[in-house]
Amino acid sequence: SRGGSLEIVKKYSDFFETIMCEPEKEEA
């Protein structure tokens, strides 16, 4: 998930419950 969601997901974020998986501590 580094950098955040896909642009298309950001655009319709109201319709998504997003769970991120990112092992790098700072980015998490």
PDB file of all heavy atoms in Angstrom:
ATOM      1  N   SER A   1       0.796  -1.240   0.000  1.00  0.00           N
ATOM      2  CA  SER A   1       0.000   0.000   0.000  1.00  0.00           C
ATOM      3  C   SER A   1       0.821   1.279   0.000  1.00  0.00           C
ATOM      4  O   SER A   1       0.272   2.351   0.214  1.00  0.00           O
ATOM      5  CB  SER A   1      -0.907   0.019   1.244  1.00  0.00           C
ATOM      6  OG  SER A   1      -1.610  -1.183   1.379  1.00  0.00           O
ATOM      7  N   ARG A   2       2.121   1.178  -0.177  1.00  0.00           N
ATOM      8  CA  ARG A   2       2.964   2.389  -0.138  1.00  0.00           C
ATOM      9  C   ARG A   2       2.410   3.440  -1.102  1.00  0.00           C
ATOM     10  O   ARG A   2       2.136   3.158  -2.259  1.00  0.00           O
ATOM     11  CB  ARG A   2       4.395   2.044  -0.512  1.00  0.00           C
ATOM     12  CG  ARG A   2       5.305   3.260  -0.641  1.00  0.00           C
ATOM     13  CD  ARG A   2       6.740   2.863  -0.888  1.00  0.00           C
ATOM     14  NE  ARG A   2       7.349   2.382   0.352  1.00  0.00           N
ATOM     15  CZ  ARG A   2       7.907   3.169   1.261  1.00  0.00           C
ATOM     16  NH1 ARG A   2       7.901   4.480   1.091  1.00  0.00           N
ATOM     17  NH2 ARG A   2       8.449   2.662   2.349  1.00  0.00           N
ATOM     18  N   GLY A   3       2.241   4.638  -0.594  1.00  0.00           N
ATOM     19  CA  GLY A   3       1.732   5.722  -1.438  1.00  0.00           C
ATOM     20  C   GLY A   3       0.224   5.883  -1.388  1.00  0.00           C
ATOM     21  O   GLY A   3      -0.316   6.834  -1.937  1.00  0.00           O
ATOM     22  N   GLY A   4      -0.466   4.957  -0.701  1.00  0.00           N
ATOM     23  CA  GLY A   4      -1.918   5.081  -0.590  1.00  0.00           C
ATOM     24  C   GLY A   4      -2.683   4.273  -1.617  1.00  0.00           C
ATOM     25  O   GLY A   4      -2.113   3.474  -2.357  1.00  0.00           O
ATOM     26  N   SER A   5      -3.984   4.510  -1.682  1.00  0.00           N
ATOM     27  CA  SER A   5      -4.876   3.728  -2.541  1.00  0.00           C
ATOM     28  C   SER A   5      -4.674   4.039  -4.013  1.00  0.00           C
ATOM     29  O   SER A   5      -4.097   5.068  -4.389  1.00  0.00           O
ATOM     30  CB  SER A   5      -6.339   4.030  -2.193  1.00  0.00           C
ATOM     31  OG  SER A   5      -6.635   3.656  -0.879  1.00  0.00           O
ATOM     32  N   LEU A   6      -5.181   3.153  -4.856  1.00  0.00           N
ATOM     33  CA  LEU A   6      -5.249   3.412  -6.288  1.00  0.00           C
ATOM     34  C   LEU A   6      -6.125   4.632  -6.524  1.00  0.00           C
ATOM     35  O   LEU A   6      -7.060   4.896  -5.763  1.00  0.00           O
ATOM     36  CB  LEU A   6      -5.858   2.201  -7.016  1.00  0.00           C
ATOM     37  CG  LEU A   6      -5.094   0.871  -6.920  1.00  0.00           C
ATOM     38  CD1 LEU A   6      -5.951  -0.239  -7.501  1.00  0.00           C
ATOM     39  CD2 LEU A   6      -3.769   0.957  -7.651  1.00  0.00           C
ATOM     40  N   GLU A   7      -5.830   5.373  -7.589  1.00  0.00           N
ATOM     41  CA  GLU A   7      -6.583   6.602  -7.876  1.00  0.00           C
ATOM     42  C   GLU A   7      -8.075   6.334  -8.040  1.00  0.00           C
ATOM     43  O   GLU A   7      -8.910   7.108  -7.593  1.00  0.00           O
ATOM     44  CB  GLU A   7      -6.025   7.273  -9.137  1.00  0.00           C
ATOM     45  CG  GLU A   7      -4.641   7.868  -8.968  1.00  0.00           C
ATOM     46  CD  GLU A   7      -4.591   8.920  -7.864  1.00  0.00           C
ATOM     47  OE1 GLU A   7      -5.540   9.735  -7.775  1.00  0.00           O
ATOM     48  OE2 GLU A   7      -3.614   8.929  -7.093  1.00  0.00           O
ATOM     49  N   ILE A   8      -8.418   5.227  -8.691  1.00  0.00           N
ATOM     50  CA  ILE A   8      -9.830   4.908  -8.928  1.00  0.00           C
ATOM     51  C   ILE A   8     -10.548   4.621  -7.602  1.00  0.00           C
ATOM     52  O   ILE A   8     -11.723   4.933  -7.425  1.00  0.00           O
ATOM     53  CB  ILE A   8      -9.975   3.716  -9.904  1.00  0.00           C
ATOM     54  CG1 ILE A   8     -11.397   3.611 -10.442  1.00  0.00           C
ATOM     55  CG2 ILE A   8      -9.515   2.409  -9.284  1.00  0.00           C
ATOM     56  CD1 ILE A   8     -11.773   4.673 -11.424  1.00  0.00           C
ATOM     57  N   VAL A   9      -9.818   4.045  -6.632  1.00  0.00           N
ATOM     58  CA  VAL A   9     -10.392   3.775  -5.309  1.00  0.00           C
ATOM     59  C   VAL A   9     -10.568   5.076  -4.542  1.00  0.00           C
ATOM     60  O   VAL A   9     -11.575   5.283  -3.861  1.00  0.00           O
ATOM     61  CB  VAL A   9      -9.514   2.779  -4.520  1.00  0.00           C
ATOM     62  CG1 VAL A   9     -10.037   2.613  -3.092  1.00  0.00           C
ATOM     63  CG2 VAL A   9      -9.459   1.437  -5.229  1.00  0.00           C
ATOM     64  N   LYS A  10      -9.573   5.969  -4.656  1.00  0.00           N
ATOM     65  CA  LYS A  10      -9.687   7.271  -3.992  1.00  0.00           C
ATOM     66  C   LYS A  10     -10.919   8.026  -4.495  1.00  0.00           C
ATOM     67  O   LYS A  10     -11.645   8.656  -3.729  1.00  0.00           O
ATOM     68  CB  LYS A  10      -8.440   8.118  -4.266  1.00  0.00           C
ATOM     69  CG  LYS A  10      -7.188   7.652  -3.557  1.00  0.00           C
ATOM     70  CD  LYS A  10      -6.023   8.548  -3.936  1.00  0.00           C
ATOM     71  CE  LYS A  10      -4.728   8.062  -3.318  1.00  0.00           C
ATOM     72  NZ  LYS A  10      -3.570   8.876  -3.764  1.00  0.00           N
ATOM     73  N   LYS A  11     -11.144   7.938  -5.806  1.00  0.00           N
ATOM     74  CA  LYS A  11     -12.247   8.676  -6.416  1.00  0.00           C
ATOM     75  C   LYS A  11     -13.587   8.222  -5.864  1.00  0.00           C
ATOM     76  O   LYS A  11     -14.497   9.017  -5.658  1.00  0.00           O
ATOM     77  CB  LYS A  11     -12.211   8.496  -7.929  1.00  0.00           C
ATOM     78  CG  LYS A  11     -13.273   9.305  -8.669  1.00  0.00           C
ATOM     79  CD  LYS A  11     -13.061   9.247 -10.158  1.00  0.00           C
ATOM     80  CE  LYS A  11     -14.097  10.082 -10.876  1.00  0.00           C
ATOM     81  NZ  LYS A  11     -13.880  10.105 -12.331  1.00  0.00           N
ATOM     82  N   TYR A  12     -13.719   6.907  -5.610  1.00  0.00           N
ATOM     83  CA  TYR A  12     -14.985   6.357  -5.119  1.00  0.00           C
ATOM     84  C   TYR A  12     -14.833   5.832  -3.693  1.00  0.00           C
ATOM     85  O   TYR A  12     -15.417   4.817  -3.327  1.00  0.00           O
ATOM     86  CB  TYR A  12     -15.469   5.248  -6.054  1.00  0.00           C
ATOM     87  CG  TYR A  12     -15.721   5.738  -7.468  1.00  0.00           C
ATOM     88  CD1 TYR A  12     -14.835   5.444  -8.495  1.00  0.00           C
ATOM     89  CD2 TYR A  12     -16.839   6.523  -7.766  1.00  0.00           C
ATOM     90  CE1 TYR A  12     -15.055   5.910  -9.784  1.00  0.00           C
ATOM     91  CE2 TYR A  12     -17.065   6.991  -9.049  1.00  0.00           C
ATOM     92  CZ  TYR A  12     -16.170   6.682 -10.058  1.00  0.00           C
ATOM     93  OH  TYR A  12     -16.398   7.151 -11.328  1.00  0.00           O
ATOM     94  N   SER A  13     -14.019   6.530  -2.904  1.00  0.00           N
ATOM     95  CA  SER A  13     -13.697   6.073  -1.548  1.00  0.00           C
ATOM     96  C   SER A  13     -14.930   5.922  -0.657  1.00  0.00           C
ATOM     97  O   SER A  13     -14.917   5.141   0.302  1.00  0.00           O
ATOM     98  CB  SER A  13     -12.694   7.025  -0.888  1.00  0.00           C
ATOM     99  OG  SER A  13     -13.228   8.340  -0.835  1.00  0.00           O
ATOM    100  N   ASP A  14     -16.011   6.660  -0.937  1.00  0.00           N
ATOM    101  CA  ASP A  14     -17.225   6.550  -0.126  1.00  0.00           C
ATOM    102  C   ASP A  14     -17.843   5.154  -0.214  1.00  0.00           C
ATOM    103  O   ASP A  14     -18.648   4.776   0.645  1.00  0.00           O
ATOM    104  CB  ASP A  14     -18.273   7.582  -0.572  1.00  0.00           C
ATOM    105  CG  ASP A  14     -17.885   8.993  -0.160  1.00  0.00           C
ATOM    106  OD1 ASP A  14     -16.951   9.130   0.651  1.00  0.00           O
ATOM    107  OD2 ASP A  14     -18.510   9.952  -0.650  1.00  0.00           O
ATOM    108  N   PHE A  15     -17.484   4.415  -1.254  1.00  0.00           N
ATOM    109  CA  PHE A  15     -18.070   3.093  -1.456  1.00  0.00           C
ATOM    110  C   PHE A  15     -17.132   1.971  -1.019  1.00  0.00           C
ATOM    111  O   PHE A  15     -17.430   0.797  -1.223  1.00  0.00           O
ATOM    112  CB  PHE A  15     -18.438   2.901  -2.935  1.00  0.00           C
ATOM    113  CG  PHE A  15     -19.381   3.938  -3.455  1.00  0.00           C
ATOM    114  CD1 PHE A  15     -18.930   4.965  -4.266  1.00  0.00           C
ATOM    115  CD2 PHE A  15     -20.730   3.912  -3.100  1.00  0.00           C
ATOM    116  CE1 PHE A  15     -19.806   5.943  -4.740  1.00  0.00           C
ATOM    117  CE2 PHE A  15     -21.607   4.891  -3.559  1.00  0.00           C
ATOM    118  CZ  PHE A  15     -21.142   5.901  -4.387  1.00  0.00           C
ATOM    119  N   PHE A  16     -15.975   2.333  -0.436  1.00  0.00           N
ATOM    120  CA  PHE A  16     -14.997   1.325  -0.033  1.00  0.00           C
ATOM    121  C   PHE A  16     -14.649   1.427   1.445  1.00  0.00           C
ATOM    122  O   PHE A  16     -14.482   2.524   1.978  1.00  0.00           O
ATOM    123  CB  PHE A  16     -13.690   1.479  -0.835  1.00  0.00           C
ATOM    124  CG  PHE A  16     -13.781   1.042  -2.262  1.00  0.00           C
ATOM    125  CD1 PHE A  16     -13.881   1.989  -3.272  1.00  0.00           C
ATOM    126  CD2 PHE A  16     -13.762  -0.305  -2.601  1.00  0.00           C
ATOM    127  CE1 PHE A  16     -13.959   1.599  -4.602  1.00  0.00           C
ATOM    128  CE2 PHE A  16     -13.836  -0.704  -3.926  1.00  0.00           C
ATOM    129  CZ  PHE A  16     -13.934   0.248  -4.927  1.00  0.00           C
ATOM    130  N   GLU A  17     -14.546   0.285   2.081  1.00  0.00           N
ATOM    131  CA  GLU A  17     -13.937   0.164   3.407  1.00  0.00           C
ATOM    132  C   GLU A  17     -12.569  -0.447   3.146  1.00  0.00           C
ATOM    133  O   GLU A  17     -12.450  -1.653   2.885  1.00  0.00           O
ATOM    134  CB  GLU A  17     -14.772  -0.746   4.298  1.00  0.00           C
ATOM    135  CG  GLU A  17     -14.274  -0.877   5.731  1.00  0.00           C
ATOM    136  CD  GLU A  17     -14.444   0.416   6.522  1.00  0.00           C
ATOM    137  OE1 GLU A  17     -15.498   1.061   6.380  1.00  0.00           O
ATOM    138  OE2 GLU A  17     -13.511   0.769   7.263  1.00  0.00           O
ATOM    139  N   THR A  18     -11.529   0.378   3.178  1.00  0.00           N
ATOM    140  CA  THR A  18     -10.207  -0.068   2.729  1.00  0.00           C
ATOM    141  C   THR A  18      -9.305  -0.472   3.890  1.00  0.00           C
ATOM    142  O   THR A  18      -9.175   0.250   4.870  1.00  0.00           O
ATOM    143  CB  THR A  18      -9.514   1.031   1.893  1.00  0.00           C
ATOM    144  OG1 THR A  18     -10.313   1.315   0.746  1.00  0.00           O
ATOM    145  CG2 THR A  18      -8.142   0.587   1.432  1.00  0.00           C
ATOM    146  N   ILE A  19      -8.683  -1.639   3.733  1.00  0.00           N
ATOM    147  CA  ILE A  19      -7.688  -2.130   4.689  1.00  0.00           C
ATOM    148  C   ILE A  19      -6.345  -2.137   3.965  1.00  0.00           C
ATOM    149  O   ILE A  19      -6.223  -2.709   2.879  1.00  0.00           O
ATOM    150  CB  ILE A  19      -8.017  -3.559   5.170  1.00  0.00           C
ATOM    151  CG1 ILE A  19      -9.418  -3.600   5.783  1.00  0.00           C
ATOM    152  CG2 ILE A  19      -6.965  -4.054   6.164  1.00  0.00           C
ATOM    153  CD1 ILE A  19      -9.970  -5.008   5.913  1.00  0.00           C
ATOM    154  N   MET A  20      -5.358  -1.491   4.542  1.00  0.00           N
ATOM    155  CA  MET A  20      -4.038  -1.410   3.934  1.00  0.00           C
ATOM    156  C   MET A  20      -3.100  -2.455   4.532  1.00  0.00           C
ATOM    157  O   MET A  20      -3.177  -2.739   5.731  1.00  0.00           O
ATOM    158  CB  MET A  20      -3.436  -0.019   4.144  1.00  0.00           C
ATOM    159  CG  MET A  20      -4.230   1.108   3.503  1.00  0.00           C
ATOM    160  SD  MET A  20      -4.207   0.955   1.710  1.00  0.00           S
ATOM    161  CE  MET A  20      -4.550   2.644   1.230  1.00  0.00           C
ATOM    162  N   CYS A  21      -2.223  -2.982   3.709  1.00  0.00           N
ATOM    163  CA  CYS A  21      -1.179  -3.895   4.193  1.00  0.00           C
ATOM    164  C   CYS A  21       0.173  -3.356   3.741  1.00  0.00           C
ATOM    165  O   CYS A  21       0.462  -3.312   2.550  1.00  0.00           O
ATOM    166  CB  CYS A  21      -1.405  -5.304   3.640  1.00  0.00           C
ATOM    167  SG  CYS A  21      -0.122  -6.461   4.188  1.00  0.00           S
ATOM    168  N   GLU A  22       0.965  -2.911   4.708  1.00  0.00           N
ATOM    169  CA  GLU A  22       2.271  -2.317   4.403  1.00  0.00           C
ATOM    170  C   GLU A  22       3.248  -2.634   5.534  1.00  0.00           C
ATOM    171  O   GLU A  22       3.098  -2.143   6.650  1.00  0.00           O
ATOM    172  CB  GLU A  22       2.128  -0.795   4.242  1.00  0.00           C
ATOM    173  CG  GLU A  22       3.423  -0.063   3.996  1.00  0.00           C
ATOM    174  CD  GLU A  22       4.219  -0.645   2.853  1.00  0.00           C
ATOM    175  OE1 GLU A  22       3.684  -0.728   1.723  1.00  0.00           O
ATOM    176  OE2 GLU A  22       5.386  -1.023   3.083  1.00  0.00           O
ATOM    177  N   PRO A  23       4.258  -3.505   5.279  1.00  0.00           N
ATOM    178  CA  PRO A  23       5.169  -3.926   6.351  1.00  0.00           C
ATOM    179  C   PRO A  23       6.197  -2.879   6.775  1.00  0.00           C
ATOM    180  O   PRO A  23       6.769  -2.978   7.858  1.00  0.00           O
ATOM    181  CB  PRO A  23       5.869  -5.154   5.746  1.00  0.00           C
ATOM    182  CG  PRO A  23       5.764  -4.974   4.278  1.00  0.00           C
ATOM    183  CD  PRO A  23       4.488  -4.233   4.030  1.00  0.00           C
ATOM    184  N   GLU A  24       6.450  -1.882   5.925  1.00  0.00           N
ATOM    185  CA  GLU A  24       7.438  -0.862   6.271  1.00  0.00           C
ATOM    186  C   GLU A  24       6.837   0.054   7.352  1.00  0.00           C
ATOM    187  O   GLU A  24       5.791   0.658   7.168  1.00  0.00           O
ATOM    188  CB  GLU A  24       7.796  -0.077   5.014  1.00  0.00           C
ATOM    189  CG  GLU A  24       9.151   0.620   5.076  1.00  0.00           C
ATOM    190  CD  GLU A  24       9.046   1.955   5.783  1.00  0.00           C
ATOM    191  OE1 GLU A  24       8.190   2.774   5.403  1.00  0.00           O
ATOM    192  OE2 GLU A  24       9.815   2.168   6.737  1.00  0.00           O
ATOM    193  N   LYS A  25       7.492   0.148   8.499  1.00  0.00           N
ATOM    194  CA  LYS A  25       6.902   0.760   9.693  1.00  0.00           C
ATOM    195  C   LYS A  25       6.488   2.213   9.495  1.00  0.00           C
ATOM    196  O   LYS A  25       5.379   2.615   9.878  1.00  0.00           O
ATOM    197  CB  LYS A  25       7.875   0.651  10.877  1.00  0.00           C
ATOM    198  CG  LYS A  25       8.020  -0.776  11.396  1.00  0.00           C
ATOM    199  CD  LYS A  25       8.927  -0.852  12.606  1.00  0.00           C
ATOM    200  CE  LYS A  25       9.034  -2.296  13.104  1.00  0.00           C
ATOM    201  NZ  LYS A  25       9.937  -2.406  14.274  1.00  0.00           N
ATOM    202  N   GLU A  26       7.383   3.022   8.915  1.00  0.00           N
ATOM    203  CA  GLU A  26       7.061   4.439   8.736  1.00  0.00           C
ATOM    204  C   GLU A  26       5.851   4.629   7.836  1.00  0.00           C
ATOM    205  O   GLU A  26       4.951   5.419   8.120  1.00  0.00           O
ATOM    206  CB  GLU A  26       8.274   5.168   8.124  1.00  0.00           C
ATOM    207  CG  GLU A  26       8.994   6.059   9.126  1.00  0.00           C
ATOM    208  CD  GLU A  26      10.139   6.810   8.488  1.00  0.00           C
ATOM    209  OE1 GLU A  26       9.889   7.660   7.607  1.00  0.00           O
ATOM    210  OE2 GLU A  26      11.287   6.538   8.885  1.00  0.00           O
ATOM    211  N   GLU A  27       5.848   3.890   6.745  1.00  0.00           N
ATOM    212  CA  GLU A  27       4.741   4.004   5.793  1.00  0.00           C
ATOM    213  C   GLU A  27       3.441   3.489   6.410  1.00  0.00           C
ATOM    214  O   GLU A  27       2.374   4.070   6.205  1.00  0.00           O
ATOM    215  CB  GLU A  27       5.062   3.218   4.515  1.00  0.00           C
ATOM    216  CG  GLU A  27       4.060   3.384   3.401  1.00  0.00           C
ATOM    217  CD  GLU A  27       3.988   4.797   2.852  1.00  0.00           C
ATOM    218  OE1 GLU A  27       4.945   5.566   3.040  1.00  0.00           O
ATOM    219  OE2 GLU A  27       2.946   5.131   2.228  1.00  0.00           O
ATOM    220  N   ALA A  28       3.523   2.412   7.194  1.00  0.00           N
ATOM    221  CA  ALA A  28       2.336   1.873   7.878  1.00  0.00           C
ATOM    222  C   ALA A  28       1.762   2.918   8.837  1.00  0.00           C
ATOM    223  O   ALA A  28       0.537   3.090   8.921  1.00  0.00           O
ATOM    224  CB  ALA A  28       2.699   0.590   8.632  1.00  0.00           C
TER     225      ALA A  28
END
